[in-house]
Amino acid sequence: MKTKLLAAAVIAATIGGLHAAPVVIASPDKAQVMVFSQIINKDLHWNARTNALIASMTFSNVNYVSRTESRTDQDVYFTLSGVQYDPARRTFYKTGRHVPVAIMQEGVFGRQIKLAPGARILALDNHGRISVMLVANRSPVMGSQWVRVQEDSALQEMFANTGGIPPGQASSSLRR
């Protein structure tokens, strides 16, 4: 599994046209979600006590609701450890690396944490078992920054398609 995660990170970095080694933060957390679900909400939160970003996602079966199947929303959280916050720059970095992974922004409803332009969250899906990694570099990423990919065949397709996340695999590709 770790080999697959590292391979996915390197491939994602290469696809994005990155020139230096990417910053990779893999969450140790896993979540089991409904296989036929989609991501309807995603956020980043900061835990200053543990120096970790928390990737929060809500998976829903909203497209499969019927008379016999009620709507179910499932909130899941993934810890991305080893991050430091620079309040002067309002920027989050992986400890020891000065590649931005997220940025604190002032919004209408207060502060929000957004992915840095060169960062991407990959939600690797293995039949509903989700693992998450953050991959970042200084070059802006092309396409969505939050991407759900089917782990079983995504690596082969990413090798074959260097233009971005394969359209058939970005099942819940979300723009932020």
Protein backbone atom coordinates (compact mmCIF):
# COMPACT_ATOMS: atom_id res chain seq x y z
CA MET A 1 0.00 0.00 0.00
CA LYS A 2 2.78 2.46 0.87
CA THR A 3 4.44 1.70 -2.47
CA LYS A 4 1.19 2.50 -4.27
CA LEU A 5 0.79 5.77 -2.33
CA LEU A 6 4.35 6.87 -3.09
CA ALA A 7 3.96 5.89 -6.75
CA ALA A 8 0.70 7.84 -6.96
CA ALA A 9 2.35 10.91 -5.43
CA VAL A 10 5.31 10.80 -7.79
CA ILE A 11 3.02 10.30 -10.79
CA ALA A 12 0.73 13.12 -9.68
CA ALA A 13 3.73 15.40 -9.29
CA THR A 14 5.07 14.44 -12.70
CA ILE A 15 1.69 14.97 -14.34
CA GLY A 16 1.55 18.46 -12.88
CA GLY A 17 4.82 19.37 -14.61
CA LEU A 18 6.76 19.74 -11.39
CA HIS A 19 10.50 20.28 -11.55
CA ALA A 20 11.61 19.49 -8.00
CA ALA A 21 10.84 16.60 -5.69
CA PRO A 22 7.27 16.97 -4.47
CA VAL A 23 6.23 17.38 -0.86
CA VAL A 24 4.14 14.35 0.05
CA ILE A 25 2.09 14.05 3.23
CA ALA A 26 0.20 10.77 3.51
CA SER A 27 -2.47 10.48 6.17
CA PRO A 28 -2.27 7.43 8.39
CA ASP A 29 -6.08 7.53 8.63
CA LYS A 30 -8.39 5.36 6.53
CA ALA A 31 -12.14 5.52 6.12
CA GLN A 32 -14.72 3.10 4.78
CA VAL A 33 -17.40 4.90 2.77
CA MET A 34 -20.22 3.80 0.51
CA VAL A 35 -18.82 2.57 -2.80
CA PHE A 36 -21.46 4.49 -4.76
CA SER A 37 -20.96 7.86 -3.15
CA GLN A 38 -19.56 11.20 -4.11
CA ILE A 39 -17.74 13.94 -2.25
CA ILE A 40 -20.20 16.75 -1.61
CA ASN A 41 -18.11 18.85 0.76
CA LYS A 42 -14.41 19.27 1.54
CA ASP A 43 -12.45 21.51 3.88
CA LEU A 44 -9.10 21.91 5.56
CA HIS A 45 -8.79 22.64 9.29
CA TRP A 46 -5.73 23.43 11.42
CA ASN A 47 -4.91 21.74 14.70
CA ALA A 48 -2.19 23.96 16.20
CA ARG A 49 -1.72 21.64 19.18
CA THR A 50 -0.62 18.71 17.00
CA ASN A 51 0.78 20.72 14.04
CA ALA A 52 -1.54 18.94 11.64
CA LEU A 53 -3.88 19.91 8.86
CA ILE A 54 -7.13 17.96 8.90
CA ALA A 55 -8.72 17.15 5.54
CA SER A 56 -12.46 16.88 6.08
CA MET A 57 -14.70 15.33 3.42
CA THR A 58 -18.38 14.49 3.29
CA PHE A 59 -19.33 11.49 1.16
CA SER A 60 -22.96 11.12 0.12
CA ASN A 61 -25.15 8.72 -1.80
CA VAL A 62 -27.29 11.69 -2.90
CA ASN A 63 -27.38 10.50 -6.54
CA TYR A 64 -28.71 7.08 -5.50
CA VAL A 65 -31.60 8.11 -3.24
CA SER A 66 -34.87 6.31 -3.96
CA ARG A 67 -37.98 5.06 -2.17
CA THR A 68 -35.97 2.17 -0.81
CA GLU A 69 -32.61 3.92 -0.33
CA SER A 70 -32.52 6.96 1.96
CA ARG A 71 -29.88 9.64 1.75
CA THR A 72 -26.78 9.04 3.83
CA ASP A 73 -24.02 11.60 4.37
CA GLN A 74 -20.80 10.46 5.99
CA ASP A 75 -18.18 12.88 7.37
CA VAL A 76 -14.61 11.56 7.38
CA TYR A 77 -11.40 13.19 8.60
CA PHE A 78 -7.78 12.60 7.59
CA THR A 79 -4.84 13.90 9.62
CA LEU A 80 -1.96 15.40 7.62
CA SER A 81 0.83 15.63 10.20
CA GLY A 82 4.18 17.39 10.15
CA VAL A 83 2.93 20.79 9.05
CA GLN A 84 3.99 24.18 10.36
CA TYR A 85 2.11 27.46 10.08
CA ASP A 86 3.83 30.77 9.31
CA PRO A 87 1.38 33.44 10.61
CA ALA A 88 3.30 36.31 8.98
CA ARG A 89 2.78 34.77 5.53
CA ARG A 90 -0.47 32.97 6.43
CA THR A 91 1.02 29.87 4.83
CA PHE A 92 1.30 26.23 5.86
CA TYR A 93 4.43 24.22 4.99
CA LYS A 94 5.57 20.66 5.55
CA THR A 95 8.06 20.84 8.41
CA GLY A 96 11.58 21.24 7.02
CA ARG A 97 10.41 22.16 3.50
CA HIS A 98 9.44 25.63 2.33
CA VAL A 99 6.96 24.50 -0.27
CA PRO A 100 3.49 25.89 0.52
CA VAL A 101 0.82 23.24 1.05
CA ALA A 102 -2.05 25.50 2.17
CA ILE A 103 -2.90 29.17 2.70
CA MET A 104 -5.02 30.87 5.36
CA GLN A 105 -7.46 33.29 3.69
CA GLU A 106 -9.87 35.81 5.10
CA GLY A 107 -13.39 35.15 3.86
CA VAL A 108 -16.87 36.50 4.32
CA PHE A 109 -17.50 34.03 7.15
CA GLY A 110 -14.07 34.28 8.76
CA ARG A 111 -10.82 32.50 8.05
CA GLN A 112 -10.62 29.60 5.63
CA ILE A 113 -7.76 27.30 4.76
CA LYS A 114 -7.34 26.64 1.04
CA LEU A 115 -4.87 24.43 -0.74
CA ALA A 116 -1.83 26.30 -2.08
CA PRO A 117 -1.82 26.69 -5.90
CA GLY A 118 0.74 23.89 -6.22
CA ALA A 119 -1.06 21.44 -3.91
CA ARG A 120 -3.48 18.63 -4.57
CA ILE A 121 -5.40 16.28 -2.27
CA LEU A 122 -5.66 12.76 -3.66
CA ALA A 123 -8.41 10.59 -2.17
CA LEU A 124 -7.40 7.09 -3.22
CA ASP A 125 -10.45 4.82 -3.34
CA ASN A 126 -10.10 1.06 -3.10
CA HIS A 127 -13.72 -0.17 -3.27
CA GLY A 128 -14.89 2.41 -0.72
CA ARG A 129 -11.79 2.25 1.49
CA ILE A 130 -10.38 5.78 1.29
CA SER A 131 -6.82 6.89 2.00
CA VAL A 132 -5.64 10.46 1.50
CA MET A 133 -2.40 12.16 0.59
CA LEU A 134 -1.43 15.76 -0.02
CA VAL A 135 1.09 16.34 -2.83
CA ALA A 136 2.60 19.80 -3.34
CA ASN A 137 5.28 21.67 -5.24
CA ARG A 138 5.88 25.26 -6.23
CA SER A 139 4.32 24.93 -9.70
CA PRO A 140 0.53 25.40 -9.89
CA VAL A 141 -1.44 22.22 -10.51
CA MET A 142 -3.60 21.83 -13.58
CA GLY A 143 -7.22 20.84 -13.02
CA SER A 144 -8.90 20.03 -9.75
CA GLN A 145 -7.06 20.26 -6.47
CA TRP A 146 -9.28 17.69 -4.72
CA VAL A 147 -9.41 14.46 -6.68
CA ARG A 148 -10.90 11.05 -5.91
CA VAL A 149 -9.26 8.29 -7.94
CA GLN A 150 -10.01 4.60 -8.11
CA GLU A 151 -6.84 3.07 -6.71
CA ASP A 152 -7.06 -0.27 -8.48
CA SER A 153 -6.49 1.05 -12.01
CA ALA A 154 -5.51 4.69 -11.55
CA LEU A 155 -1.77 4.08 -11.49
CA GLN A 156 -1.69 2.30 -14.87
CA GLU A 157 -3.86 4.96 -16.48
CA MET A 158 -1.80 7.81 -15.00
CA PHE A 159 1.32 6.28 -16.54
CA ALA A 160 -0.42 6.15 -19.92
CA ASN A 161 -1.99 9.62 -19.74
CA THR A 162 0.49 12.34 -18.78
CA GLY A 163 -1.98 15.15 -19.47
CA GLY A 164 -3.64 14.97 -16.06
CA ILE A 165 -5.86 12.79 -13.94
CA PRO A 166 -7.57 10.35 -16.32
CA PRO A 167 -11.16 11.44 -17.08
CA GLY A 168 -12.48 7.94 -16.38
CA GLN A 169 -10.85 7.86 -12.95
CA ALA A 170 -11.62 11.34 -11.65
CA SER A 171 -15.02 10.10 -10.48
CA SER A 172 -15.48 12.87 -7.95
CA SER A 173 -13.04 15.46 -9.18
CA LEU A 174 -13.93 18.64 -7.35
CA ARG A 175 -12.93 22.19 -8.14
CA ARG A 176 -11.94 24.47 -5.32
